[in-house]
Amino acid sequence: MITSAFANTAGQSTSLMAQFLPLIIIFVIFYFLLIRPQQKRAKQHRLKIESIAVGDMVITSGGIKAKIKKIEDIDIKVEIASNVEITVVKSTIIDVIKK
């Protein structure tokens, strides 16, 4: 009687582990195929934004190509045409074109 009860609980723990194993495998696959590459792209973008300097050409999320005139903490003053300057938020910069 004791041995059958012990065998029964051991069987349940194996079955519990077998139930969670596919979920763990799916999470690992999602991490390496989706989460990790997205974190890598975000880090590259952050480094690119931090490395901008006055005189660089940038592209904003609105599709405006502009030349950087002044860099502040959160904002950047950019020139979009001759003597036309606007202020944009750093986080709206999508790409940096070094010149």
N, C-alpha and C. Protein backbone atom coordinates (compact mmCIF):
# COMPACT_ATOMS: atom_id res chain seq x y z
N MET A 1 0.82 -1.18 0.00
CA MET A 1 0.00 0.00 0.00
C MET A 1 0.87 1.26 0.00
N ILE A 2 1.89 1.33 0.78
CA ILE A 2 2.77 2.48 0.82
C ILE A 2 3.54 2.62 -0.49
N THR A 3 4.00 1.54 -1.01
CA THR A 3 4.77 1.59 -2.25
C THR A 3 3.90 2.05 -3.41
N SER A 4 2.63 1.66 -3.45
CA SER A 4 1.78 2.11 -4.53
C SER A 4 1.48 3.61 -4.43
N ALA A 5 1.35 4.13 -3.22
CA ALA A 5 1.12 5.57 -3.03
C ALA A 5 2.36 6.35 -3.43
N PHE A 6 3.53 5.85 -3.08
CA PHE A 6 4.77 6.50 -3.46
C PHE A 6 4.96 6.50 -4.98
N ALA A 7 4.62 5.42 -5.61
CA ALA A 7 4.73 5.32 -7.06
C ALA A 7 3.75 6.27 -7.74
N ASN A 8 2.58 6.44 -7.15
CA ASN A 8 1.57 7.32 -7.71
C ASN A 8 2.03 8.78 -7.65
N THR A 9 2.59 9.24 -6.56
CA THR A 9 3.05 10.63 -6.47
C THR A 9 4.25 10.87 -7.37
N ALA A 10 5.10 9.91 -7.53
CA ALA A 10 6.24 10.06 -8.42
C ALA A 10 5.76 10.18 -9.87
N GLY A 11 4.73 9.47 -10.22
CA GLY A 11 4.17 9.55 -11.57
C GLY A 11 3.54 10.89 -11.84
N GLN A 12 2.93 11.49 -10.84
CA GLN A 12 2.30 12.78 -11.01
C GLN A 12 3.33 13.89 -11.21
N SER A 13 4.44 13.83 -10.51
CA SER A 13 5.46 14.87 -10.68
C SER A 13 6.10 14.79 -12.05
N THR A 14 6.27 13.60 -12.58
CA THR A 14 6.83 13.46 -13.92
C THR A 14 5.84 14.01 -14.93
N SER A 15 4.59 13.75 -14.75
CA SER A 15 3.58 14.23 -15.67
C SER A 15 3.46 15.76 -15.59
N LEU A 16 3.64 16.33 -14.41
CA LEU A 16 3.62 17.78 -14.26
C LEU A 16 4.78 18.42 -15.01
N MET A 17 5.95 17.81 -14.89
CA MET A 17 7.12 18.32 -15.61
C MET A 17 6.92 18.18 -17.13
N ALA A 18 6.32 17.13 -17.54
CA ALA A 18 6.06 16.92 -18.97
C ALA A 18 5.06 17.95 -19.50
N GLN A 19 4.17 18.43 -18.64
CA GLN A 19 3.21 19.44 -19.06
C GLN A 19 3.86 20.82 -19.23
N PHE A 20 4.83 21.14 -18.38
CA PHE A 20 5.47 22.45 -18.45
C PHE A 20 6.64 22.51 -19.43
N LEU A 21 7.17 21.38 -19.82
CA LEU A 21 8.31 21.36 -20.74
C LEU A 21 8.00 22.03 -22.08
N PRO A 22 6.87 21.78 -22.72
CA PRO A 22 6.58 22.48 -23.98
C PRO A 22 6.47 24.01 -23.80
N LEU A 23 5.91 24.45 -22.69
CA LEU A 23 5.81 25.89 -22.43
C LEU A 23 7.20 26.51 -22.27
N ILE A 24 8.07 25.82 -21.59
CA ILE A 24 9.44 26.31 -21.42
C ILE A 24 10.15 26.37 -22.76
N ILE A 25 9.98 25.36 -23.57
CA ILE A 25 10.62 25.33 -24.89
C ILE A 25 10.08 26.47 -25.76
N ILE A 26 8.78 26.72 -25.73
CA ILE A 26 8.19 27.81 -26.51
C ILE A 26 8.74 29.15 -26.05
N PHE A 27 8.86 29.34 -24.74
CA PHE A 27 9.42 30.60 -24.22
C PHE A 27 10.86 30.80 -24.69
N VAL A 28 11.66 29.75 -24.66
CA VAL A 28 13.05 29.84 -25.12
C VAL A 28 13.10 30.20 -26.60
N ILE A 29 12.26 29.59 -27.40
CA ILE A 29 12.21 29.90 -28.83
C ILE A 29 11.80 31.35 -29.05
N PHE A 30 10.77 31.83 -28.36
CA PHE A 30 10.35 33.22 -28.48
C PHE A 30 11.46 34.17 -28.05
N TYR A 31 12.19 33.81 -27.00
CA TYR A 31 13.27 34.68 -26.53
C TYR A 31 14.33 34.85 -27.61
N PHE A 32 14.78 33.75 -28.19
CA PHE A 32 15.87 33.84 -29.16
C PHE A 32 15.42 34.34 -30.53
N LEU A 33 14.17 34.17 -30.89
CA LEU A 33 13.70 34.61 -32.21
C LEU A 33 13.05 35.99 -32.21
N LEU A 34 12.48 36.42 -31.08
CA LEU A 34 11.76 37.69 -31.06
C LEU A 34 12.33 38.70 -30.06
N ILE A 35 12.45 38.30 -28.82
CA ILE A 35 12.80 39.25 -27.76
C ILE A 35 14.25 39.71 -27.88
N ARG A 36 15.17 38.79 -28.01
CA ARG A 36 16.60 39.15 -28.06
C ARG A 36 16.94 40.03 -29.27
N PRO A 37 16.49 39.70 -30.49
CA PRO A 37 16.80 40.59 -31.62
C PRO A 37 16.20 41.99 -31.44
N GLN A 38 15.01 42.09 -30.85
CA GLN A 38 14.40 43.40 -30.63
C GLN A 38 15.21 44.21 -29.63
N GLN A 39 15.71 43.57 -28.58
CA GLN A 39 16.54 44.26 -27.61
C GLN A 39 17.84 44.73 -28.26
N LYS A 40 18.39 43.93 -29.15
CA LYS A 40 19.63 44.29 -29.84
C LYS A 40 19.41 45.51 -30.73
N ARG A 41 18.29 45.52 -31.48
CA ARG A 41 17.97 46.67 -32.33
C ARG A 41 17.75 47.93 -31.51
N ALA A 42 17.07 47.81 -30.38
CA ALA A 42 16.82 48.96 -29.51
C ALA A 42 18.13 49.51 -28.96
N LYS A 43 19.05 48.64 -28.60
CA LYS A 43 20.34 49.08 -28.08
C LYS A 43 21.14 49.80 -29.17
N GLN A 44 21.14 49.26 -30.40
CA GLN A 44 21.84 49.91 -31.50
C GLN A 44 21.24 51.29 -31.78
N HIS A 45 19.92 51.41 -31.74
CA HIS A 45 19.26 52.69 -31.99
C HIS A 45 19.62 53.70 -30.90
N ARG A 46 19.62 53.25 -29.65
CA ARG A 46 19.96 54.13 -28.55
C ARG A 46 21.40 54.63 -28.67
N LEU A 47 22.32 53.74 -29.04
CA LEU A 47 23.72 54.15 -29.23
C LEU A 47 23.86 55.13 -30.39
N LYS A 48 23.08 54.91 -31.45
CA LYS A 48 23.12 55.81 -32.60
C LYS A 48 22.61 57.20 -32.23
N ILE A 49 21.56 57.26 -31.44
CA ILE A 49 21.00 58.55 -31.02
C ILE A 49 21.97 59.27 -30.08
N GLU A 50 22.64 58.52 -29.21
CA GLU A 50 23.58 59.14 -28.28
C GLU A 50 24.83 59.66 -28.98
N SER A 51 25.14 59.12 -30.16
CA SER A 51 26.37 59.52 -30.85
C SER A 51 26.16 60.66 -31.85
N ILE A 52 24.96 61.25 -31.90
CA ILE A 52 24.75 62.33 -32.86
C ILE A 52 25.53 63.57 -32.44
N ALA A 53 25.88 64.35 -33.43
CA ALA A 53 26.63 65.58 -33.19
C ALA A 53 26.07 66.70 -34.07
N VAL A 54 26.43 67.92 -33.74
CA VAL A 54 26.00 69.07 -34.53
C VAL A 54 26.56 68.92 -35.94
N GLY A 55 25.70 69.14 -36.92
CA GLY A 55 26.11 69.03 -38.31
C GLY A 55 25.69 67.72 -38.96
N ASP A 56 25.27 66.72 -38.18
CA ASP A 56 24.82 65.44 -38.74
C ASP A 56 23.45 65.61 -39.38
N MET A 57 23.20 64.82 -40.37
CA MET A 57 21.87 64.76 -40.99
C MET A 57 21.09 63.65 -40.31
N VAL A 58 19.82 63.91 -40.00
CA VAL A 58 18.96 62.92 -39.35
C VAL A 58 17.64 62.80 -40.09
N ILE A 59 16.97 61.69 -39.83
CA ILE A 59 15.63 61.48 -40.36
C ILE A 59 14.70 61.27 -39.17
N THR A 60 13.62 62.04 -39.11
CA THR A 60 12.68 61.93 -38.00
C THR A 60 11.62 60.88 -38.32
N SER A 61 10.83 60.53 -37.32
CA SER A 61 9.77 59.54 -37.53
C SER A 61 8.70 60.06 -38.50
N GLY A 62 8.62 61.37 -38.66
CA GLY A 62 7.68 61.94 -39.63
C GLY A 62 8.22 61.97 -41.04
N GLY A 63 9.46 61.52 -41.23
CA GLY A 63 10.05 61.46 -42.55
C GLY A 63 10.77 62.74 -42.95
N ILE A 64 11.04 63.62 -42.01
CA ILE A 64 11.71 64.88 -42.30
C ILE A 64 13.22 64.67 -42.22
N LYS A 65 13.91 65.05 -43.28
CA LYS A 65 15.37 65.05 -43.27
C LYS A 65 15.81 66.41 -42.79
N ALA A 66 16.73 66.43 -41.83
CA ALA A 66 17.14 67.70 -41.25
C ALA A 66 18.59 67.64 -40.82
N LYS A 67 19.17 68.84 -40.66
CA LYS A 67 20.55 68.96 -40.20
C LYS A 67 20.52 69.47 -38.76
N ILE A 68 21.28 68.84 -37.89
CA ILE A 68 21.29 69.21 -36.48
C ILE A 68 22.03 70.52 -36.28
N LYS A 69 21.38 71.45 -35.57
CA LYS A 69 21.98 72.74 -35.26
C LYS A 69 22.37 72.84 -33.79
N LYS A 70 21.55 72.28 -32.89
CA LYS A 70 21.82 72.38 -31.46
C LYS A 70 21.24 71.16 -30.75
N ILE A 71 22.01 70.59 -29.82
CA ILE A 71 21.56 69.43 -29.06
C ILE A 71 21.35 69.84 -27.61
N GLU A 72 20.16 69.55 -27.09
CA GLU A 72 19.84 69.81 -25.70
C GLU A 72 19.58 68.47 -25.01
N ASP A 73 19.07 68.48 -23.79
CA ASP A 73 18.85 67.24 -23.06
C ASP A 73 17.85 66.32 -23.75
N ILE A 74 16.66 66.83 -23.98
CA ILE A 74 15.60 66.03 -24.57
C ILE A 74 15.33 66.43 -26.01
N ASP A 75 15.49 67.69 -26.31
CA ASP A 75 15.16 68.24 -27.63
C ASP A 75 16.41 68.44 -28.48
N ILE A 76 16.16 68.54 -29.78
CA ILE A 76 17.22 68.85 -30.75
C ILE A 76 16.68 69.92 -31.69
N LYS A 77 17.45 70.96 -31.91
CA LYS A 77 17.07 71.97 -32.90
C LYS A 77 17.68 71.53 -34.23
N VAL A 78 16.82 71.44 -35.24
CA VAL A 78 17.27 71.01 -36.56
C VAL A 78 16.85 72.02 -37.62
N GLU A 79 17.62 72.06 -38.69
CA GLU A 79 17.31 72.95 -39.80
C GLU A 79 16.76 72.09 -40.93
N ILE A 80 15.52 72.39 -41.34
CA ILE A 80 14.89 71.61 -42.40
C ILE A 80 14.99 72.30 -43.75
N ALA A 81 15.26 73.59 -43.76
CA ALA A 81 15.46 74.36 -44.98
C ALA A 81 16.32 75.57 -44.60
N SER A 82 16.71 76.35 -45.58
CA SER A 82 17.52 77.52 -45.29
C SER A 82 16.80 78.45 -44.32
N ASN A 83 17.42 78.71 -43.17
CA ASN A 83 16.89 79.58 -42.13
C ASN A 83 15.55 79.13 -41.56
N VAL A 84 15.23 77.85 -41.65
CA VAL A 84 14.01 77.31 -41.06
C VAL A 84 14.43 76.23 -40.05
N GLU A 85 14.28 76.55 -38.78
CA GLU A 85 14.66 75.62 -37.72
C GLU A 85 13.44 75.19 -36.93
N ILE A 86 13.42 73.92 -36.57
CA ILE A 86 12.37 73.39 -35.72
C ILE A 86 13.02 72.62 -34.58
N THR A 87 12.23 72.38 -33.55
CA THR A 87 12.70 71.61 -32.41
C THR A 87 12.00 70.26 -32.43
N VAL A 88 12.78 69.19 -32.35
CA VAL A 88 12.21 67.84 -32.30
C VAL A 88 12.72 67.13 -31.05
N VAL A 89 11.99 66.15 -30.62
CA VAL A 89 12.39 65.34 -29.47
C VAL A 89 13.37 64.27 -29.95
N LYS A 90 14.40 64.01 -29.16
CA LYS A 90 15.42 63.04 -29.54
C LYS A 90 14.84 61.68 -29.89
N SER A 91 13.83 61.26 -29.16
CA SER A 91 13.27 59.92 -29.38
C SER A 91 12.57 59.77 -30.72
N THR A 92 12.28 60.90 -31.41
CA THR A 92 11.63 60.80 -32.72
C THR A 92 12.64 60.64 -33.86
N ILE A 93 13.93 60.67 -33.54
CA ILE A 93 14.95 60.46 -34.57
C ILE A 93 14.99 58.97 -34.90
N ILE A 94 14.83 58.65 -36.18
CA ILE A 94 14.85 57.25 -36.60
C ILE A 94 16.22 56.85 -37.09
N ASP A 95 16.87 57.71 -37.88
CA ASP A 95 18.16 57.34 -38.46
C ASP A 95 19.08 58.54 -38.44
N VAL A 96 20.37 58.27 -38.38
CA VAL A 96 21.39 59.31 -38.39
C VAL A 96 22.24 59.09 -39.63
N ILE A 97 22.37 60.13 -40.44
CA ILE A 97 23.20 60.08 -41.64
C ILE A 97 24.40 60.98 -41.37
N LYS A 98 25.56 60.38 -41.11
CA LYS A 98 26.75 61.17 -40.78
C LYS A 98 27.23 61.92 -42.02
N LYS A 99 27.63 63.19 -41.84
CA LYS A 99 28.20 63.98 -42.94
C LYS A 99 29.38 64.74 -42.44
